[in-house]
Amino acid sequence: MVIGVVGAFDEEVEKFIEMFDLKKDDCAIWDIYLGKFMEKDLVVCRSGIGKVNSGAMTQYLIDHYQVDLVINSGCAGSLLSKVKIMDVVLSSYVTYHDFQPVRIMEANVPDLGKVRASTKLLNIAEEALKKLEVANYYIAPIASGDSFVTDSTVRDYIYTSTGAYAVDMESASIGHICKLNQIPFLAVRTISDFSDGVENFEVIAAYKSSQLVKEIIEAL
């Protein structure tokens, strides 16, 4: 089994490099690290921030490493008050908040713009959360767009228009590419802020997601 893990920036991948003793693939034009764990091949990459970077990286993983599944790991902003900092959101589906009008997105994105995550990966992730005794988690939509959401008015609009619990800049494009290639995927995001530009705990949140993804990989 070949497992692909995508993070956007350094803190979203560095724990994987440490935990699995990964080595950089010097032949790759991307920031990609390789290793083995429990007879599984791991391909962990730093895509860079944003939809184009993460989408291009995902296609590269599929084409050049023949990954069997992709997990997106990292942090995200909360879109509603009950979803607190350090809560975990597993993607039930991913969607775009900046692909307008919605009818065009629905016509050009798989699953009518609500790209569903792998049920198998969701089930494994939920069991991993229980093993780690993480009580505060949600299986819920995640919305992505090419902007840092730091304004409460924008935050509230995204929640109202998409129904997502969390917002980031990569999950939807990763899910989109995986669905086009019929590759199972899951986004695992730990809440780092309230999408209001006030507090941001992205490093701690990214590390928490890394630990959860490690448990998922062990269970696969």
C-alpha atoms as a PDB file:
ATOM      1  CA  MET A   1       0.000   0.000   0.000  1.00  0.00           C
ATOM      2  CA  VAL A   2       1.251   3.474  -0.905  1.00  0.00           C
ATOM      3  CA  ILE A   3      -0.113   6.236   1.340  1.00  0.00           C
ATOM      4  CA  GLY A   4       0.069   9.885   0.310  1.00  0.00           C
ATOM      5  CA  VAL A   5      -0.055  12.632   2.946  1.00  0.00           C
ATOM      6  CA  VAL A   6      -0.359  16.262   1.915  1.00  0.00           C
ATOM      7  CA  GLY A   7       0.335  19.258   4.133  1.00  0.00           C
ATOM      8  CA  ALA A   8       0.520  22.841   2.958  1.00  0.00           C
ATOM      9  CA  PHE A   9       3.396  24.282   4.998  1.00  0.00           C
ATOM     10  CA  ASP A  10       6.378  23.115   7.040  1.00  0.00           C
ATOM     11  CA  GLU A  11       4.623  22.618  10.371  1.00  0.00           C
ATOM     12  CA  GLU A  12       1.990  20.439   8.714  1.00  0.00           C
ATOM     13  CA  VAL A  13       4.591  17.910   7.532  1.00  0.00           C
ATOM     14  CA  GLU A  14       7.619  18.138   9.840  1.00  0.00           C
ATOM     15  CA  LYS A  15       6.184  15.824  12.516  1.00  0.00           C
ATOM     16  CA  PHE A  16       5.665  13.125   9.901  1.00  0.00           C
ATOM     17  CA  ILE A  17       9.301  13.425   8.836  1.00  0.00           C
ATOM     18  CA  GLU A  18      10.356  13.005  12.470  1.00  0.00           C
ATOM     19  CA  MET A  19       7.889  10.251  13.437  1.00  0.00           C
ATOM     20  CA  PHE A  20       8.563   8.058  10.404  1.00  0.00           C
ATOM     21  CA  ASP A  21      12.228   8.999   9.822  1.00  0.00           C
ATOM     22  CA  LEU A  22      11.435  10.034   6.262  1.00  0.00           C
ATOM     23  CA  LYS A  23      14.061  10.957   3.686  1.00  0.00           C
ATOM     24  CA  LYS A  24      13.707  13.696   1.098  1.00  0.00           C
ATOM     25  CA  ASP A  25      13.226  12.524  -2.475  1.00  0.00           C
ATOM     26  CA  ASP A  26      16.002  14.455  -4.181  1.00  0.00           C
ATOM     27  CA  CYS A  27      14.703  13.450  -7.606  1.00  0.00           C
ATOM     28  CA  ALA A  28      11.371  15.173  -7.100  1.00  0.00           C
ATOM     29  CA  ILE A  29      10.716  18.710  -8.249  1.00  0.00           C
ATOM     30  CA  TRP A  30       8.488  19.029  -5.177  1.00  0.00           C
ATOM     31  CA  ASP A  31       9.171  18.960  -1.439  1.00  0.00           C
ATOM     32  CA  ILE A  32       8.493  15.221  -0.986  1.00  0.00           C
ATOM     33  CA  TYR A  33       9.645  12.790   1.684  1.00  0.00           C
ATOM     34  CA  LEU A  34       9.625   8.997   1.465  1.00  0.00           C
ATOM     35  CA  GLY A  35       9.714   6.156   3.956  1.00  0.00           C
ATOM     36  CA  LYS A  36       8.248   2.889   5.138  1.00  0.00           C
ATOM     37  CA  PHE A  37       6.098   2.115   8.161  1.00  0.00           C
ATOM     38  CA  MET A  38       4.556  -1.244   9.027  1.00  0.00           C
ATOM     39  CA  GLU A  39       5.194  -2.501   5.484  1.00  0.00           C
ATOM     40  CA  LYS A  40       3.456   0.539   3.999  1.00  0.00           C
ATOM     41  CA  ASP A  41       5.129   3.015   1.670  1.00  0.00           C
ATOM     42  CA  LEU A  42       4.714   6.617   2.776  1.00  0.00           C
ATOM     43  CA  VAL A  43       4.872   9.661   0.521  1.00  0.00           C
ATOM     44  CA  VAL A  44       4.597  12.864   2.541  1.00  0.00           C
ATOM     45  CA  CYS A  45       4.710  16.210   0.811  1.00  0.00           C
ATOM     46  CA  ARG A  46       4.595  19.927   1.456  1.00  0.00           C
ATOM     47  CA  SER A  47       2.459  21.320  -1.319  1.00  0.00           C
ATOM     48  CA  GLY A  48       2.582  25.005  -0.549  1.00  0.00           C
ATOM     49  CA  ILE A  49      -0.470  27.038   0.379  1.00  0.00           C
ATOM     50  CA  GLY A  50      -3.522  27.354  -1.840  1.00  0.00           C
ATOM     51  CA  LYS A  51      -5.731  25.368  -4.170  1.00  0.00           C
ATOM     52  CA  VAL A  52      -3.464  25.281  -7.220  1.00  0.00           C
ATOM     53  CA  ASN A  53      -0.402  24.165  -5.250  1.00  0.00           C
ATOM     54  CA  SER A  54      -2.268  21.437  -3.383  1.00  0.00           C
ATOM     55  CA  GLY A  55      -4.180  20.265  -6.452  1.00  0.00           C
ATOM     56  CA  ALA A  56      -1.018  20.057  -8.555  1.00  0.00           C
ATOM     57  CA  MET A  57       0.811  18.207  -5.803  1.00  0.00           C
ATOM     58  CA  THR A  58      -2.015  15.697  -5.441  1.00  0.00           C
ATOM     59  CA  GLN A  59      -1.997  14.916  -9.148  1.00  0.00           C
ATOM     60  CA  TYR A  60       1.795  14.537  -9.022  1.00  0.00           C
ATOM     61  CA  LEU A  61       1.506  12.037  -6.161  1.00  0.00           C
ATOM     62  CA  ILE A  62      -1.045  10.026  -8.109  1.00  0.00           C
ATOM     63  CA  ASP A  63       0.925  10.070 -11.365  1.00  0.00           C
ATOM     64  CA  HIS A  64       4.472   9.545 -10.064  1.00  0.00           C
ATOM     65  CA  TYR A  65       4.042   7.511  -6.876  1.00  0.00           C
ATOM     66  CA  GLN A  66       0.813   5.630  -7.665  1.00  0.00           C
ATOM     67  CA  VAL A  67      -0.604   6.364  -4.217  1.00  0.00           C
ATOM     68  CA  ASP A  68      -3.547   4.214  -3.142  1.00  0.00           C
ATOM     69  CA  LEU A  69      -5.083   6.924  -0.966  1.00  0.00           C
ATOM     70  CA  VAL A  70      -4.459  10.514   0.093  1.00  0.00           C
ATOM     71  CA  ILE A  71      -4.831  12.084   3.519  1.00  0.00           C
ATOM     72  CA  ASN A  72      -4.726  15.850   3.880  1.00  0.00           C
ATOM     73  CA  SER A  73      -3.406  16.815   7.313  1.00  0.00           C
ATOM     74  CA  GLY A  74      -3.232  20.228   8.912  1.00  0.00           C
ATOM     75  CA  CYS A  75      -5.015  23.055  10.668  1.00  0.00           C
ATOM     76  CA  ALA A  76      -8.116  25.074   9.820  1.00  0.00           C
ATOM     77  CA  GLY A  77     -10.266  27.937  10.997  1.00  0.00           C
ATOM     78  CA  SER A  78     -13.572  27.400  12.765  1.00  0.00           C
ATOM     79  CA  LEU A  79     -16.733  28.708  11.102  1.00  0.00           C
ATOM     80  CA  LEU A  80     -19.095  28.499  14.077  1.00  0.00           C
ATOM     81  CA  SER A  81     -18.869  29.024  17.790  1.00  0.00           C
ATOM     82  CA  LYS A  82     -19.355  25.424  18.927  1.00  0.00           C
ATOM     83  CA  VAL A  83     -16.249  24.288  17.015  1.00  0.00           C
ATOM     84  CA  LYS A  84     -13.451  25.268  19.387  1.00  0.00           C
ATOM     85  CA  ILE A  85      -9.706  25.656  19.053  1.00  0.00           C
ATOM     86  CA  MET A  86      -8.056  22.187  19.138  1.00  0.00           C
ATOM     87  CA  ASP A  87     -11.262  20.443  18.092  1.00  0.00           C
ATOM     88  CA  VAL A  88     -10.785  18.040  15.174  1.00  0.00           C
ATOM     89  CA  VAL A  89     -12.834  18.111  11.966  1.00  0.00           C
ATOM     90  CA  LEU A  90     -12.894  15.088   9.677  1.00  0.00           C
ATOM     91  CA  SER A  91     -14.229  15.940   6.237  1.00  0.00           C
ATOM     92  CA  SER A  92     -17.607  14.404   5.490  1.00  0.00           C
ATOM     93  CA  TYR A  93     -17.222  16.276   2.231  1.00  0.00           C
ATOM     94  CA  VAL A  94     -15.159  19.175   0.922  1.00  0.00           C
ATOM     95  CA  THR A  95     -16.385  22.121  -1.110  1.00  0.00           C
ATOM     96  CA  TYR A  96     -15.261  25.524  -2.391  1.00  0.00           C
ATOM     97  CA  HIS A  97     -16.439  28.784  -0.874  1.00  0.00           C
ATOM     98  CA  ASP A  98     -14.988  30.917  -3.672  1.00  0.00           C
ATOM     99  CA  PHE A  99     -16.242  29.041  -6.758  1.00  0.00           C
ATOM    100  CA  GLN A 100     -19.125  31.254  -7.850  1.00  0.00           C
ATOM    101  CA  PRO A 101     -21.868  31.038  -8.918  1.00  0.00           C
ATOM    102  CA  VAL A 102     -22.710  27.821  -7.091  1.00  0.00           C
ATOM    103  CA  ARG A 103     -24.544  26.324 -10.095  1.00  0.00           C
ATOM    104  CA  ILE A 104     -21.316  26.503 -12.116  1.00  0.00           C
ATOM    105  CA  MET A 105     -19.405  24.777  -9.322  1.00  0.00           C
ATOM    106  CA  GLU A 106     -22.039  22.065  -9.117  1.00  0.00           C
ATOM    107  CA  ALA A 107     -21.740  21.456 -12.849  1.00  0.00           C
ATOM    108  CA  ASN A 108     -17.936  21.309 -12.887  1.00  0.00           C
ATOM    109  CA  VAL A 109     -16.923  19.672  -9.605  1.00  0.00           C
ATOM    110  CA  PRO A 110     -17.575  16.012  -8.695  1.00  0.00           C
ATOM    111  CA  ASP A 111     -20.471  15.170  -6.372  1.00  0.00           C
ATOM    112  CA  LEU A 112     -22.258  18.399  -7.330  1.00  0.00           C
ATOM    113  CA  GLY A 113     -19.552  20.438  -5.626  1.00  0.00           C
ATOM    114  CA  LYS A 114     -19.656  18.469  -2.368  1.00  0.00           C
ATOM    115  CA  VAL A 115     -16.827  15.987  -2.775  1.00  0.00           C
ATOM    116  CA  ARG A 116     -17.363  13.114  -0.368  1.00  0.00           C
ATOM    117  CA  ALA A 117     -14.527  11.634   1.651  1.00  0.00           C
ATOM    118  CA  SER A 118     -13.847   7.902   1.851  1.00  0.00           C
ATOM    119  CA  THR A 119     -16.247   6.177   4.234  1.00  0.00           C
ATOM    120  CA  LYS A 120     -13.573   3.619   5.097  1.00  0.00           C
ATOM    121  CA  LEU A 121     -11.049   6.321   6.001  1.00  0.00           C
ATOM    122  CA  LEU A 122     -13.665   8.179   8.035  1.00  0.00           C
ATOM    123  CA  ASN A 123     -14.439   5.058  10.035  1.00  0.00           C
ATOM    124  CA  ILE A 124     -10.755   4.366  10.669  1.00  0.00           C
ATOM    125  CA  ALA A 125     -10.185   7.996  11.669  1.00  0.00           C
ATOM    126  CA  GLU A 126     -13.070   7.940  14.125  1.00  0.00           C
ATOM    127  CA  GLU A 127     -11.680   4.804  15.774  1.00  0.00           C
ATOM    128  CA  ALA A 128      -8.265   6.490  15.964  1.00  0.00           C
ATOM    129  CA  LEU A 129      -9.826   9.499  17.702  1.00  0.00           C
ATOM    130  CA  LYS A 130     -11.371   7.211  20.277  1.00  0.00           C
ATOM    131  CA  LYS A 131      -8.035   5.453  20.805  1.00  0.00           C
ATOM    132  CA  LEU A 132      -6.364   8.826  21.397  1.00  0.00           C
ATOM    133  CA  GLU A 133      -9.266   9.808  23.678  1.00  0.00           C
ATOM    134  CA  VAL A 134     -10.068  12.885  21.604  1.00  0.00           C
ATOM    135  CA  ALA A 135     -13.617  13.730  22.631  1.00  0.00           C
ATOM    136  CA  ASN A 136     -14.152  16.965  20.725  1.00  0.00           C
ATOM    137  CA  TYR A 137     -14.383  16.147  17.052  1.00  0.00           C
ATOM    138  CA  TYR A 138     -16.818  16.529  14.183  1.00  0.00           C
ATOM    139  CA  ILE A 139     -17.454  14.690  10.947  1.00  0.00           C
ATOM    140  CA  ALA A 140     -18.520  17.686   8.920  1.00  0.00           C
ATOM    141  CA  PRO A 141     -18.012  19.655   5.694  1.00  0.00           C
ATOM    142  CA  ILE A 142     -14.826  21.650   5.139  1.00  0.00           C
ATOM    143  CA  ALA A 143     -14.763  24.624   2.749  1.00  0.00           C
ATOM    144  CA  SER A 144     -11.681  25.829   0.890  1.00  0.00           C
ATOM    145  CA  GLY A 145     -10.769  29.010  -0.930  1.00  0.00           C
ATOM    146  CA  ASP A 146      -7.740  31.054  -1.901  1.00  0.00           C
ATOM    147  CA  SER A 147      -7.884  33.510   0.974  1.00  0.00           C
ATOM    148  CA  PHE A 148      -6.969  33.669   4.639  1.00  0.00           C
ATOM    149  CA  VAL A 149     -10.248  34.152   6.479  1.00  0.00           C
ATOM    150  CA  THR A 150      -9.595  36.707   9.228  1.00  0.00           C
ATOM    151  CA  ASP A 151     -12.890  38.587   9.302  1.00  0.00           C
ATOM    152  CA  SER A 152     -15.965  37.455  11.219  1.00  0.00           C
ATOM    153  CA  THR A 153     -18.350  38.740   8.543  1.00  0.00           C
ATOM    154  CA  VAL A 154     -16.619  36.703   5.850  1.00  0.00           C
ATOM    155  CA  ARG A 155     -16.480  33.730   8.217  1.00  0.00           C
ATOM    156  CA  ASP A 156     -20.217  33.877   8.855  1.00  0.00           C
ATOM    157  CA  TYR A 157     -20.955  34.190   5.138  1.00  0.00           C
ATOM    158  CA  ILE A 158     -18.901  31.084   4.357  1.00  0.00           C
ATOM    159  CA  TYR A 159     -20.738  29.085   7.001  1.00  0.00           C
ATOM    160  CA  THR A 160     -24.142  30.288   5.802  1.00  0.00           C
ATOM    161  CA  SER A 161     -23.396  29.629   2.135  1.00  0.00           C
ATOM    162  CA  THR A 162     -21.639  26.251   2.494  1.00  0.00           C
ATOM    163  CA  GLY A 163     -22.673  24.726   5.816  1.00  0.00           C
ATOM    164  CA  ALA A 164     -19.022  23.918   6.486  1.00  0.00           C
ATOM    165  CA  TYR A 165     -17.675  23.701  10.023  1.00  0.00           C
ATOM    166  CA  ALA A 166     -14.095  24.601   9.082  1.00  0.00           C
ATOM    167  CA  VAL A 167     -12.295  26.615   6.430  1.00  0.00           C
ATOM    168  CA  ASP A 168      -8.879  26.141   4.849  1.00  0.00           C
ATOM    169  CA  MET A 169      -7.122  26.686   1.524  1.00  0.00           C
ATOM    170  CA  GLU A 170      -6.418  23.146   0.284  1.00  0.00           C
ATOM    171  CA  SER A 171      -8.875  20.402   1.288  1.00  0.00           C
ATOM    172  CA  ALA A 172     -11.343  20.917  -1.553  1.00  0.00           C
ATOM    173  CA  SER A 173      -8.742  20.900  -4.311  1.00  0.00           C
ATOM    174  CA  ILE A 174      -7.096  17.764  -2.903  1.00  0.00           C
ATOM    175  CA  GLY A 175     -10.454  16.022  -2.667  1.00  0.00           C
ATOM    176  CA  HIS A 176     -11.407  17.241  -6.142  1.00  0.00           C
ATOM    177  CA  ILE A 177      -8.283  15.765  -7.750  1.00  0.00           C
ATOM    178  CA  CYS A 178      -8.584  12.507  -5.815  1.00  0.00           C
ATOM    179  CA  LYS A 179     -12.206  12.079  -6.867  1.00  0.00           C
ATOM    180  CA  LEU A 180     -11.361  12.654 -10.526  1.00  0.00           C
ATOM    181  CA  ASN A 181      -8.744   9.906 -10.235  1.00  0.00           C
ATOM    182  CA  GLN A 182     -10.954   7.611  -8.134  1.00  0.00           C
ATOM    183  CA  ILE A 183      -8.486   7.713  -5.230  1.00  0.00           C
ATOM    184  CA  PRO A 184      -9.874   7.553  -1.661  1.00  0.00           C
ATOM    185  CA  PHE A 185      -9.167  10.665   0.380  1.00  0.00           C
ATOM    186  CA  LEU A 186      -9.806  12.244   3.761  1.00  0.00           C
ATOM    187  CA  ALA A 187      -9.060  15.682   5.192  1.00  0.00           C
ATOM    188  CA  VAL A 188      -8.033  15.778   8.859  1.00  0.00           C
ATOM    189  CA  ARG A 189      -7.997  19.288  10.258  1.00  0.00           C
ATOM    190  CA  THR A 190      -7.489  20.562  13.796  1.00  0.00           C
ATOM    191  CA  ILE A 191      -8.937  23.975  14.572  1.00  0.00           C
ATOM    192  CA  SER A 192      -6.272  26.635  15.087  1.00  0.00           C
ATOM    193  CA  ASP A 193      -8.387  29.808  15.165  1.00  0.00           C
ATOM    194  CA  PHE A 194     -11.886  31.273  14.884  1.00  0.00           C
ATOM    195  CA  SER A 195     -11.295  32.781  11.416  1.00  0.00           C
ATOM    196  CA  ASP A 196     -11.320  36.264  12.916  1.00  0.00           C
ATOM    197  CA  GLY A 197      -7.655  37.249  12.870  1.00  0.00           C
ATOM    198  CA  VAL A 198      -7.364  37.211  16.663  1.00  0.00           C
ATOM    199  CA  GLU A 199      -5.837  33.968  17.971  1.00  0.00           C
ATOM    200  CA  ASN A 200      -3.925  31.412  15.949  1.00  0.00           C
ATOM    201  CA  PHE A 201      -2.525  28.146  17.254  1.00  0.00           C
ATOM    202  CA  GLU A 202      -1.644  26.652  13.885  1.00  0.00           C
ATOM    203  CA  VAL A 203       1.568  24.896  14.959  1.00  0.00           C
ATOM    204  CA  ILE A 204      -0.027  23.034  17.879  1.00  0.00           C
ATOM    205  CA  ALA A 205      -3.095  22.256  15.764  1.00  0.00           C
ATOM    206  CA  ALA A 206      -0.984  20.917  12.890  1.00  0.00           C
ATOM    207  CA  TYR A 207       0.915  18.640  15.266  1.00  0.00           C
ATOM    208  CA  LYS A 208      -2.319  17.278  16.716  1.00  0.00           C
ATOM    209  CA  SER A 209      -3.527  16.378  13.220  1.00  0.00           C
ATOM    210  CA  SER A 210      -0.191  14.663  12.542  1.00  0.00           C
ATOM    211  CA  GLN A 211      -0.617  12.409  15.557  1.00  0.00           C
ATOM    212  CA  LEU A 212      -4.110  11.449  14.467  1.00  0.00           C
ATOM    213  CA  VAL A 213      -2.980  10.680  10.924  1.00  0.00           C
ATOM    214  CA  LYS A 214      -0.203   8.481  12.337  1.00  0.00           C
ATOM    215  CA  GLU A 215      -2.863   6.427  14.131  1.00  0.00           C
ATOM    216  CA  ILE A 216      -4.876   6.175  10.920  1.00  0.00           C
ATOM    217  CA  ILE A 217      -1.835   4.946   9.024  1.00  0.00           C
ATOM    218  CA  GLU A 218      -1.167   2.332  11.706  1.00  0.00           C
ATOM    219  CA  ALA A 219      -4.741   1.052  11.347  1.00  0.00           C
ATOM    220  CA  LEU A 220      -4.696   0.791   7.557  1.00  0.00           C
END
